C-alpha atoms as a PDB file:
ATOM      1  CA  MET A   1       0.000   0.000   0.000  1.00  0.00           C
ATOM      2  CA  GLU A   2       1.290   3.442  -0.921  1.00  0.00           C
ATOM      3  CA  ARG A   3       2.817   5.440   1.898  1.00  0.00           C
ATOM      4  CA  VAL A   4       1.392   8.877   1.122  1.00  0.00           C
ATOM      5  CA  PRO A   5      -0.420  11.464   3.228  1.00  0.00           C
ATOM      6  CA  PHE A   6      -4.062  10.488   3.315  1.00  0.00           C
ATOM      7  CA  PRO A   7      -5.913  13.392   4.919  1.00  0.00           C
ATOM      8  CA  SER A   8      -8.708  13.025   7.273  1.00  0.00           C
ATOM      9  CA  SER A   9     -18.488   5.112 -15.223  1.00  0.00           C
ATOM     10  CA  ALA A  10     -20.811   5.111 -13.043  1.00  0.00           C
ATOM     11  CA  TRP A  11     -23.736   2.811 -12.519  1.00  0.00           C
ATOM     12  CA  SER A  12     -25.662   2.952 -15.685  1.00  0.00           C
ATOM     13  CA  GLY A  13     -29.031   1.891 -14.351  1.00  0.00           C
ATOM     14  CA  PRO A  14     -30.987  -0.929 -12.809  1.00  0.00           C
ATOM     15  CA  SER A  15     -29.329  -3.741 -14.797  1.00  0.00           C
ATOM     16  CA  GLY A  16     -27.892  -5.250 -11.612  1.00  0.00           C
ATOM     17  CA  LEU A  17     -30.424  -3.884  -9.169  1.00  0.00           C
ATOM     18  CA  ILE A  18     -33.067  -6.511  -8.583  1.00  0.00           C
ATOM     19  CA  LEU A  19     -35.782  -4.176  -7.444  1.00  0.00           C
ATOM     20  CA  ALA A  20     -39.367  -3.762  -8.509  1.00  0.00           C
ATOM     21  CA  ASP A  21     -39.718  -0.032  -8.764  1.00  0.00           C
ATOM     22  CA  GLU A  22     -41.739   2.117 -11.136  1.00  0.00           C
ATOM     23  CA  PRO A  23     -44.257   0.782 -13.684  1.00  0.00           C
ATOM     24  CA  THR A  24     -42.409  -0.504 -16.718  1.00  0.00           C
ATOM     25  CA  ALA A  25     -42.771   0.820 -20.239  1.00  0.00           C
ATOM     26  CA  GLU A  26     -44.658  -2.365 -21.034  1.00  0.00           C
ATOM     27  CA  SER A  27     -47.239  -1.577 -18.331  1.00  0.00           C
ATOM     28  CA  ASP A  28     -47.562   1.980 -19.572  1.00  0.00           C
ATOM     29  CA  SER A  29     -47.897   0.765 -23.154  1.00  0.00           C
ATOM     30  CA  ALA A  30     -50.579  -1.718 -22.175  1.00  0.00           C
ATOM     31  CA  SER A  31     -52.496   1.015 -20.379  1.00  0.00           C
ATOM     32  CA  ASP A  32     -52.159   3.377 -23.343  1.00  0.00           C
ATOM     33  CA  ALA A  33     -53.294   0.648 -25.715  1.00  0.00           C
ATOM     34  CA  ILE A  34     -56.400   0.029 -23.630  1.00  0.00           C
ATOM     35  CA  MET A  35     -57.210   3.732 -23.438  1.00  0.00           C
ATOM     36  CA  ASP A  36     -56.677   4.056 -27.179  1.00  0.00           C
ATOM     37  CA  ALA A  37     -59.036   1.165 -27.712  1.00  0.00           C
ATOM     38  CA  GLY A  38     -61.676   2.942 -25.664  1.00  0.00           C
ATOM     39  CA  THR A  39     -61.131   6.191 -27.531  1.00  0.00           C
ATOM     40  CA  THR A  40     -61.388   4.486 -30.888  1.00  0.00           C
ATOM     41  CA  ALA A  41     -64.540   2.719 -29.826  1.00  0.00           C
ATOM     42  CA  SER A  42     -66.258   6.028 -29.152  1.00  0.00           C
ATOM     43  CA  CYS A  43     -65.975   6.856 -32.842  1.00  0.00           C
ATOM     44  CA  ARG A  44     -67.505   3.563 -33.867  1.00  0.00           C
ATOM     45  CA  PRO A  45     -71.041   2.280 -33.509  1.00  0.00           C
ATOM     46  CA  MET A  46     -72.199   2.419 -29.882  1.00  0.00           C
ATOM     47  CA  ARG A  47     -72.680  -1.340 -29.709  1.00  0.00           C
ATOM     48  CA  LYS A  48     -68.854  -1.774 -29.449  1.00  0.00           C
ATOM     49  CA  ALA A  49     -68.326   0.673 -26.594  1.00  0.00           C
ATOM     50  CA  PRO A  50     -69.639  -1.654 -23.823  1.00  0.00           C
ATOM     51  CA  LEU A  51     -67.156  -4.302 -24.961  1.00  0.00           C
ATOM     52  CA  ASN A  52     -64.249  -1.883 -24.570  1.00  0.00           C
ATOM     53  CA  ARG A  53     -65.494  -0.671 -21.206  1.00  0.00           C
ATOM     54  CA  HIS A  54     -65.821  -4.264 -20.093  1.00  0.00           C
ATOM     55  CA  LEU A  55     -62.258  -4.997 -21.232  1.00  0.00           C
ATOM     56  CA  TRP A  56     -60.953  -1.996 -19.298  1.00  0.00           C
ATOM     57  CA  ASP A  57     -62.875  -3.031 -16.190  1.00  0.00           C
ATOM     58  CA  VAL A  58     -61.287  -6.481 -16.392  1.00  0.00           C
ATOM     59  CA  VAL A  59     -57.707  -5.341 -17.034  1.00  0.00           C
ATOM     60  CA  ARG A  60     -57.580  -2.325 -14.722  1.00  0.00           C
ATOM     61  CA  PRO A  61     -57.600  -4.301 -11.412  1.00  0.00           C
ATOM     62  CA  GLY A  62     -54.699  -6.421 -12.703  1.00  0.00           C
ATOM     63  CA  LEU A  63     -52.659  -3.332 -13.491  1.00  0.00           C
ATOM     64  CA  ALA A  64     -53.409  -1.886 -10.062  1.00  0.00           C
ATOM     65  CA  ILE A  65     -52.369  -5.113  -8.339  1.00  0.00           C
ATOM     66  CA  GLY A  66     -49.159  -5.270 -10.361  1.00  0.00           C
ATOM     67  CA  LEU A  67     -48.292  -1.689  -9.441  1.00  0.00           C
ATOM     68  CA  ALA A  68     -49.011  -2.353  -5.762  1.00  0.00           C
ATOM     69  CA  LEU A  69     -46.745  -5.409  -5.781  1.00  0.00           C
ATOM     70  CA  ARG A  70     -43.968  -3.401  -7.403  1.00  0.00           C
ATOM     71  CA  LEU A  71     -44.246  -0.637  -4.818  1.00  0.00           C
ATOM     72  CA  ALA A  72     -44.255  -3.169  -1.980  1.00  0.00           C
ATOM     73  CA  SER A  73     -41.119  -4.779  -3.369  1.00  0.00           C
ATOM     74  CA  LEU A  74     -39.524  -1.364  -3.722  1.00  0.00           C
ATOM     75  CA  ALA A  75     -40.143  -0.574  -0.057  1.00  0.00           C
ATOM     76  CA  SER A  76     -38.578  -3.821   1.132  1.00  0.00           C
ATOM     77  CA  GLY A  77     -35.324  -3.374  -0.807  1.00  0.00           C
ATOM     78  CA  GLY A  78     -33.375  -5.690  -3.064  1.00  0.00           C
ATOM     79  CA  GLU A  79     -29.893  -6.453  -4.356  1.00  0.00           C
ATOM     80  CA  PHE A  80     -27.265  -4.602  -6.335  1.00  0.00           C
ATOM     81  CA  ILE A  81     -24.911  -7.008  -8.111  1.00  0.00           C
ATOM     82  CA  LEU A  82     -21.644  -5.508  -9.283  1.00  0.00           C
ATOM     83  CA  PRO A  83     -20.940  -6.118 -12.997  1.00  0.00           C
ATOM     84  CA  LEU A  84     -17.704  -8.080 -12.666  1.00  0.00           C
ATOM     85  CA  ASP A  85     -17.857  -9.456 -16.208  1.00  0.00           C
ATOM     86  CA  ARG A  86     -17.393  -6.097 -17.969  1.00  0.00           C
ATOM     87  CA  THR A  87     -15.345  -2.925 -17.506  1.00  0.00           C
ATOM     88  CA  ASN A  88     -18.194  -0.440 -18.000  1.00  0.00           C
ATOM     89  CA  GLY A  89     -18.533   1.768 -14.935  1.00  0.00           C
ATOM     90  CA  TRP A  90     -15.214   0.744 -13.353  1.00  0.00           C
ATOM     91  CA  GLN A  91     -12.285   3.021 -12.540  1.00  0.00           C
ATOM     92  CA  PHE A  92      -8.845   1.371 -12.422  1.00  0.00           C
ATOM     93  CA  LEU A  93      -6.500   3.612 -10.439  1.00  0.00           C
ATOM     94  CA  SER A  94      -2.783   3.566  -9.639  1.00  0.00           C
ATOM     95  CA  TYR A  95      -0.406   4.735  -6.935  1.00  0.00           C
ATOM     96  CA  ARG A  96       2.705   6.866  -7.290  1.00  0.00           C
ATOM     97  CA  LYS A  97       5.975   4.894  -7.422  1.00  0.00           C
ATOM     98  CA  ILE A  98       4.227   1.485  -7.177  1.00  0.00           C
ATOM     99  CA  PRO A  99       3.742  -0.812 -10.165  1.00  0.00           C
ATOM    100  CA  PRO A 100       0.030  -1.107 -10.974  1.00  0.00           C
ATOM    101  CA  ASN A 101      -2.004  -4.286 -10.993  1.00  0.00           C
ATOM    102  CA  THR A 102      -3.534  -5.587 -14.190  1.00  0.00           C
ATOM    103  CA  PHE A 103      -7.289  -5.901 -14.544  1.00  0.00           C
ATOM    104  CA  ARG A 104      -9.328  -8.053 -16.869  1.00  0.00           C
ATOM    105  CA  THR A 105     -12.986  -8.998 -16.947  1.00  0.00           C
ATOM    106  CA  GLY A 106     -14.523 -12.205 -18.229  1.00  0.00           C
ATOM    107  CA  PRO A 107     -17.204 -14.810 -17.577  1.00  0.00           C
ATOM    108  CA  ALA A 108     -15.505 -15.822 -14.303  1.00  0.00           C
ATOM    109  CA  GLY A 109     -15.574 -12.259 -12.990  1.00  0.00           C
ATOM    110  CA  LEU A 110     -13.026  -9.507 -12.345  1.00  0.00           C
ATOM    111  CA  GLU A 111      -9.494 -10.902 -12.667  1.00  0.00           C
ATOM    112  CA  VAL A 112      -6.668  -8.992 -10.959  1.00  0.00           C
ATOM    113  CA  GLY A 113      -3.000  -9.742 -11.621  1.00  0.00           C
ATOM    114  CA  ILE A 114      -0.536  -8.758  -8.886  1.00  0.00           C
ATOM    115  CA  THR A 115       3.229  -8.806  -9.494  1.00  0.00           C
ATOM    116  CA  HIS A 116       4.975  -6.919  -6.677  1.00  0.00           C
ATOM    117  CA  SER A 117       2.233  -4.377  -7.320  1.00  0.00           C
ATOM    118  CA  ALA A 118      -0.829  -2.670  -5.886  1.00  0.00           C
ATOM    119  CA  ALA A 119      -3.749  -0.662  -7.252  1.00  0.00           C
ATOM    120  CA  PRO A 120      -7.455  -0.224  -6.520  1.00  0.00           C
ATOM    121  CA  ALA A 121     -10.457  -0.891  -8.717  1.00  0.00           C
ATOM    122  CA  VAL A 122     -13.372   1.406  -7.917  1.00  0.00           C
ATOM    123  CA  PHE A 123     -17.002   1.103  -8.899  1.00  0.00           C
ATOM    124  CA  PRO A 124     -18.829   4.394  -8.198  1.00  0.00           C
ATOM    125  CA  LEU A 125     -22.574   4.241  -7.691  1.00  0.00           C
ATOM    126  CA  THR A 126     -24.537   6.882  -9.548  1.00  0.00           C
ATOM    127  CA  ASN A 127     -27.199   6.388  -6.899  1.00  0.00           C
ATOM    128  CA  GLU A 128     -26.320   6.226  -3.219  1.00  0.00           C
ATOM    129  CA  LEU A 129     -27.473   2.935  -1.698  1.00  0.00           C
ATOM    130  CA  GLN A 130     -28.638   2.113   1.816  1.00  0.00           C
ATOM    131  CA  VAL A 131     -26.759  -1.150   2.291  1.00  0.00           C
ATOM    132  CA  THR A 132     -27.644  -3.769   4.903  1.00  0.00           C
ATOM    133  CA  GLU A 133     -25.404  -6.644   3.785  1.00  0.00           C
ATOM    134  CA  LEU A 134     -22.267  -7.308   1.729  1.00  0.00           C
ATOM    135  CA  ARG A 135     -21.622 -10.701   0.104  1.00  0.00           C
ATOM    136  CA  VAL A 136     -18.376 -11.550  -1.683  1.00  0.00           C
ATOM    137  CA  SER A 137     -16.850 -14.683  -3.186  1.00  0.00           C
ATOM    138  CA  GLY A 138     -13.808 -15.438  -5.317  1.00  0.00           C
ATOM    139  CA  SER A 139     -10.492 -17.242  -5.497  1.00  0.00           C
ATOM    140  CA  ILE A 140      -6.736 -16.636  -5.136  1.00  0.00           C
ATOM    141  CA  THR A 141      -3.907 -18.398  -6.974  1.00  0.00           C
ATOM    142  CA  GLY A 142      -0.152 -17.920  -6.755  1.00  0.00           C
ATOM    143  CA  THR A 143       2.337 -17.156  -3.996  1.00  0.00           C
ATOM    144  CA  PHE A 144       1.583 -14.756  -1.175  1.00  0.00           C
ATOM    145  CA  LYS A 145       4.727 -14.101   0.918  1.00  0.00           C
ATOM    146  CA  VAL A 146       3.422 -13.179   4.369  1.00  0.00           C
ATOM    147  CA  PRO A 147       4.899 -14.881   7.453  1.00  0.00           C
ATOM    148  CA  PRO A 148       2.338 -16.175   9.985  1.00  0.00           C
ATOM    149  CA  GLY A 149       1.229 -13.482  12.408  1.00  0.00           C
ATOM    150  CA  ARG A 150       2.916 -10.627  10.523  1.00  0.00           C
ATOM    151  CA  GLN A 151       0.178  -9.614   8.087  1.00  0.00           C
ATOM    152  CA  GLY A 152      -0.789  -5.973   8.443  1.00  0.00           C
ATOM    153  CA  GLN A 153       2.417  -4.984  10.189  1.00  0.00           C
ATOM    154  CA  GLU A 154       4.946  -2.565   8.738  1.00  0.00           C
ATOM    155  CA  GLY A 155       6.630  -4.178   5.775  1.00  0.00           C
ATOM    156  CA  TYR A 156       3.870  -6.808   5.531  1.00  0.00           C
ATOM    157  CA  ASP A 157       0.822  -4.654   4.961  1.00  0.00           C
ATOM    158  CA  ASP A 158      -0.392  -6.686   2.003  1.00  0.00           C
ATOM    159  CA  TYR A 159      -3.770  -8.380   1.720  1.00  0.00           C
ATOM    160  CA  ALA A 160      -4.731 -10.450  -1.285  1.00  0.00           C
ATOM    161  CA  VAL A 161      -8.212  -8.928  -1.214  1.00  0.00           C
ATOM    162  CA  ARG A 162      -9.657  -5.886   0.488  1.00  0.00           C
ATOM    163  CA  VAL A 163     -13.273  -5.150  -0.446  1.00  0.00           C
ATOM    164  CA  GLY A 164     -14.280  -1.719   0.802  1.00  0.00           C
ATOM    165  CA  VAL A 165     -17.535   0.196   0.935  1.00  0.00           C
ATOM    166  CA  VAL A 166     -17.107   3.956   0.600  1.00  0.00           C
ATOM    167  CA  GLU A 167     -19.441   5.529   3.150  1.00  0.00           C
ATOM    168  CA  SER A 168     -20.855   8.998   2.601  1.00  0.00           C
ATOM    169  CA  GLY A 169     -20.231  11.624   5.249  1.00  0.00           C
ATOM    170  CA  SER A 170     -19.301  15.242   5.816  1.00  0.00           C
ATOM    171  CA  ARG A 171     -15.522  15.133   5.557  1.00  0.00           C
ATOM    172  CA  THR A 172     -13.987  16.950   2.563  1.00  0.00           C
ATOM    173  CA  LEU A 173     -10.544  18.087   1.420  1.00  0.00           C
ATOM    174  CA  ASN A 174      -9.640  21.721   2.055  1.00  0.00           C
ATOM    175  CA  TRP A 175      -7.580  23.647  -0.458  1.00  0.00           C
ATOM    176  CA  ARG A 176      -4.289  22.879   1.303  1.00  0.00           C
ATOM    177  CA  GLU A 177      -5.015  19.144   1.451  1.00  0.00           C
ATOM    178  CA  LYS A 178      -5.899  19.130  -2.222  1.00  0.00           C
ATOM    179  CA  LEU A 179      -2.413  20.500  -3.014  1.00  0.00           C
ATOM    180  CA  VAL A 180      -0.575  17.615  -1.291  1.00  0.00           C
ATOM    181  CA  ALA A 181      -3.038  14.725  -1.680  1.00  0.00           C
ATOM    182  CA  ALA A 182      -2.239  11.863  -4.033  1.00  0.00           C
ATOM    183  CA  ASP A 183      -4.371  11.522  -7.135  1.00  0.00           C
ATOM    184  CA  TRP A 184      -6.189   8.457  -5.805  1.00  0.00           C
ATOM    185  CA  VAL A 185      -7.067  10.358  -2.627  1.00  0.00           C
ATOM    186  CA  LYS A 186      -8.616  13.105  -4.717  1.00  0.00           C
ATOM    187  CA  ARG A 187     -10.513  10.475  -6.689  1.00  0.00           C
ATOM    188  CA  LEU A 188     -11.866   9.085  -3.421  1.00  0.00           C
ATOM    189  CA  PHE A 189     -13.307  12.416  -2.354  1.00  0.00           C
ATOM    190  CA  ALA A 190     -14.586  13.063  -5.866  1.00  0.00           C
ATOM    191  CA  LEU A 191     -16.981  10.154  -5.314  1.00  0.00           C
ATOM    192  CA  ALA A 192     -19.072  12.315  -3.001  1.00  0.00           C
ATOM    193  CA  PRO A 193     -21.871  14.443  -4.485  1.00  0.00           C
ATOM    194  CA  ARG A 194     -21.400  18.199  -4.469  1.00  0.00           C
ATOM    195  CA  GLY A 195     -22.040  19.628  -1.013  1.00  0.00           C
ATOM    196  CA  SER A 196     -21.249  16.385   0.832  1.00  0.00           C
ATOM    197  CA  GLY A 197     -18.194  14.308   1.646  1.00  0.00           C
ATOM    198  CA  ILE A 198     -16.754  10.987   2.717  1.00  0.00           C
ATOM    199  CA  ARG A 199     -16.906   9.313   6.092  1.00  0.00           C
ATOM    200  CA  ARG A 200     -14.459   6.441   5.473  1.00  0.00           C
ATOM    201  CA  ILE A 201     -13.675   3.365   3.435  1.00  0.00           C
ATOM    202  CA  ARG A 202     -14.757   0.342   5.424  1.00  0.00           C
ATOM    203  CA  PHE A 203     -12.672  -2.609   4.248  1.00  0.00           C
ATOM    204  CA  PHE A 204     -13.346  -6.322   4.651  1.00  0.00           C
ATOM    205  CA  ASN A 205     -10.123  -8.269   4.176  1.00  0.00           C
ATOM    206  CA  VAL A 206      -9.270 -11.792   3.144  1.00  0.00           C
ATOM    207  CA  GLY A 207      -6.364 -12.704   5.414  1.00  0.00           C
ATOM    208  CA  THR A 208      -3.904 -15.590   5.703  1.00  0.00           C
ATOM    209  CA  ASP A 209      -4.121 -16.472   9.410  1.00  0.00           C
ATOM    210  CA  THR A 210      -7.349 -17.744  10.973  1.00  0.00           C
ATOM    211  CA  SER A 211      -6.293 -16.253  14.309  1.00  0.00           C
ATOM    212  CA  GLN A 212      -6.739 -12.764  12.798  1.00  0.00           C
ATOM    213  CA  VAL A 213     -10.325 -13.315  11.656  1.00  0.00           C
ATOM    214  CA  GLY A 214     -12.531 -10.787  13.446  1.00  0.00           C
ATOM    215  CA  HIS A 215      -9.656  -8.374  14.085  1.00  0.00           C
ATOM    216  CA  THR A 216     -10.594  -4.750  13.301  1.00  0.00           C
ATOM    217  CA  ARG A 217      -8.304  -1.749  13.147  1.00  0.00           C
ATOM    218  CA  THR A 218      -8.100   1.798  11.918  1.00  0.00           C
ATOM    219  CA  HIS A 219      -5.375   1.748   9.313  1.00  0.00           C
ATOM    220  CA  PRO A 220      -2.119   3.331  10.543  1.00  0.00           C
ATOM    221  CA  LEU A 221      -1.861   5.435   7.371  1.00  0.00           C
ATOM    222  CA  SER A 222      -5.246   7.123   7.801  1.00  0.00           C
ATOM    223  CA  ASP A 223      -8.235   7.224  10.096  1.00  0.00           C
ATOM    224  CA  LEU A 224     -10.371   7.260   6.943  1.00  0.00           C
ATOM    225  CA  MET A 225      -9.646   3.571   6.443  1.00  0.00           C
ATOM    226  CA  GLU A 226     -11.104   0.957   8.780  1.00  0.00           C
ATOM    227  CA  GLU A 227     -10.557  -2.712   8.058  1.00  0.00           C
ATOM    228  CA  THR A 228     -11.677  -6.057   9.431  1.00  0.00           C
ATOM    229  CA  VAL A 229     -10.253  -9.478   8.588  1.00  0.00           C
ATOM    230  CA  VAL A 230     -13.351 -11.525   7.800  1.00  0.00           C
ATOM    231  CA  THR A 231     -12.102 -14.796   6.297  1.00  0.00           C
ATOM    232  CA  VAL A 232      -9.168 -16.787   4.908  1.00  0.00           C
ATOM    233  CA  PRO A 233      -9.059 -18.859   1.714  1.00  0.00           C
ATOM    234  CA  ASP A 234      -9.525 -22.609   1.836  1.00  0.00           C
ATOM    235  CA  ALA A 235      -6.863 -25.059   0.659  1.00  0.00           C
ATOM    236  CA  ALA A 236      -7.917 -24.543  -2.966  1.00  0.00           C
ATOM    237  CA  GLY A 237      -7.743 -20.746  -2.667  1.00  0.00           C
ATOM    238  CA  HIS A 238     -11.496 -20.113  -2.622  1.00  0.00           C
ATOM    239  CA  PHE A 239     -13.025 -17.601  -0.247  1.00  0.00           C
ATOM    240  CA  ALA A 240     -16.483 -16.291   0.561  1.00  0.00           C
ATOM    241  CA  PHE A 241     -17.943 -14.076   3.253  1.00  0.00           C
ATOM    242  CA  THR A 242     -21.117 -12.273   4.224  1.00  0.00           C
ATOM    243  CA  ASN A 243     -21.164  -9.181   6.419  1.00  0.00           C
ATOM    244  CA  ARG A 244     -24.472  -8.015   7.851  1.00  0.00           C
ATOM    245  CA  PHE A 245     -24.381  -4.393   9.029  1.00  0.00           C
ATOM    246  CA  ALA A 246     -25.992  -3.570  12.370  1.00  0.00           C
ATOM    247  CA  GLN A 247     -27.589  -0.523  10.749  1.00  0.00           C
ATOM    248  CA  PRO A 248     -27.952   0.357   7.053  1.00  0.00           C
ATOM    249  CA  ILE A 249     -25.008   2.394   5.800  1.00  0.00           C
ATOM    250  CA  SER A 250     -24.995   4.928   2.971  1.00  0.00           C
ATOM    251  CA  VAL A 251     -22.637   3.669   0.267  1.00  0.00           C
ATOM    252  CA  LEU A 252     -21.243   5.737  -2.603  1.00  0.00           C
ATOM    253  CA  ALA A 253     -18.875   3.206  -4.187  1.00  0.00           C
ATOM    254  CA  ILE A 254     -17.120  -0.138  -3.873  1.00  0.00           C
ATOM    255  CA  TRP A 255     -13.330   0.056  -3.501  1.00  0.00           C
ATOM    256  CA  ILE A 256     -11.389  -3.155  -4.188  1.00  0.00           C
ATOM    257  CA  ALA A 257      -7.674  -3.356  -3.358  1.00  0.00           C
ATOM    258  CA  CYS A 258      -5.221  -6.221  -3.962  1.00  0.00           C
ATOM    259  CA  ASP A 259      -1.691  -5.596  -2.653  1.00  0.00           C
ATOM    260  CA  GLY A 260       1.601  -7.433  -3.144  1.00  0.00           C
ATOM    261  CA  ASP A 261       4.081  -4.559  -3.184  1.00  0.00           C
ATOM    262  CA  ASP A 262       5.315  -4.752   0.426  1.00  0.00           C
ATOM    263  CA  THR A 263       6.055  -8.480   0.337  1.00  0.00           C
ATOM    264  CA  LYS A 264       7.059  -8.695  -3.346  1.00  0.00           C
ATOM    265  CA  SER A 265       4.337 -11.279  -3.905  1.00  0.00           C
ATOM    266  CA  SER A 266       2.978 -12.499  -7.232  1.00  0.00           C
ATOM    267  CA  PHE A 267      -0.533 -13.901  -7.355  1.00  0.00           C
ATOM    268  CA  ALA A 268      -3.895 -13.526  -9.060  1.00  0.00           C
ATOM    269  CA  VAL A 269      -7.364 -12.839  -7.695  1.00  0.00           C
ATOM    270  CA  THR A 270     -10.688 -13.603  -9.359  1.00  0.00           C
ATOM    271  CA  LEU A 271     -13.702 -11.882  -7.858  1.00  0.00           C
ATOM    272  CA  GLY A 272     -16.712 -13.943  -8.847  1.00  0.00           C
ATOM    273  CA  LYS A 273     -19.442 -12.109  -6.981  1.00  0.00           C
ATOM    274  CA  VAL A 274     -19.922  -8.869  -5.049  1.00  0.00           C
ATOM    275  CA  VAL A 275     -23.501  -8.260  -3.942  1.00  0.00           C
ATOM    276  CA  LEU A 276     -24.973  -5.393  -1.937  1.00  0.00           C
ATOM    277  CA  GLU A 277     -28.218  -6.119  -0.128  1.00  0.00           C
ATOM    278  CA  THR A 278     -30.178  -2.880   0.043  1.00  0.00           C
ATOM    279  CA  ARG A 279     -32.849  -1.687   2.413  1.00  0.00           C
ATOM    280  CA  ASP A 280     -34.723   0.401  -0.104  1.00  0.00           C
ATOM    281  CA  ALA A 281     -34.383   2.061  -3.458  1.00  0.00           C
ATOM    282  CA  PRO A 282     -31.419   4.403  -3.969  1.00  0.00           C
ATOM    283  CA  ALA A 283     -31.954   8.130  -3.678  1.00  0.00           C
ATOM    284  CA  THR A 284     -30.929   9.792  -6.932  1.00  0.00           C
ATOM    285  CA  ARG A 285     -28.129  12.295  -6.553  1.00  0.00           C
END
């Protein structure tokens, strides 16, 4: 991870958001077609008008029920599934003086290549989400050079996978901080809508030592980064975890970091699934 001062595109629509929200174009078209049928009937002999009115009386309750079900589903929330099989909407950043990771997408998910390198992949959300649960799964292959019990310490601050949620807040960069901040720090704060800021990046790490699972710390480089070791890979390199938040949190982006620069490690990570369980529909910025 880059040792730099760390002062205290975009989602294109509901393709991954499994929510029943507003009436669809098909519903609207069906309604318009029915109304047009009624209008046309008024210009025809009166004997056809009762048939159209009867058709509308039959269809209208179904449309109302469908709309009610959609609104009920909207209120209860849904899922946002990150598009890991395509690059649209992703930002692939880099650090100063550290070789960058390589990123590739495919049917298996987001593939990250690490060769003594480090770099984040960021997926900004056009719409802020109220998130209640985070679910992640993937796999790791290669050599990760971290001695037992040393991970996270100075000189060994590499984690194969850090999945972070960028929480909205009130903290912003002042003009002096903007002059000295690294580019990726500026990109972090640029995720916040105008007039608001960032609270922190809350990371969930895949570690190497089961004794560290459950350990939480504020990162020594910045109090804007909090991280918890949540799991370790199995013997085949697969990992999966679910984190249920005590209270819904407001999320602006997902920040994924894979680091091998401190330990000069070479390995590969495939993220197969990243899912955000949401409490309700996102509020449009």
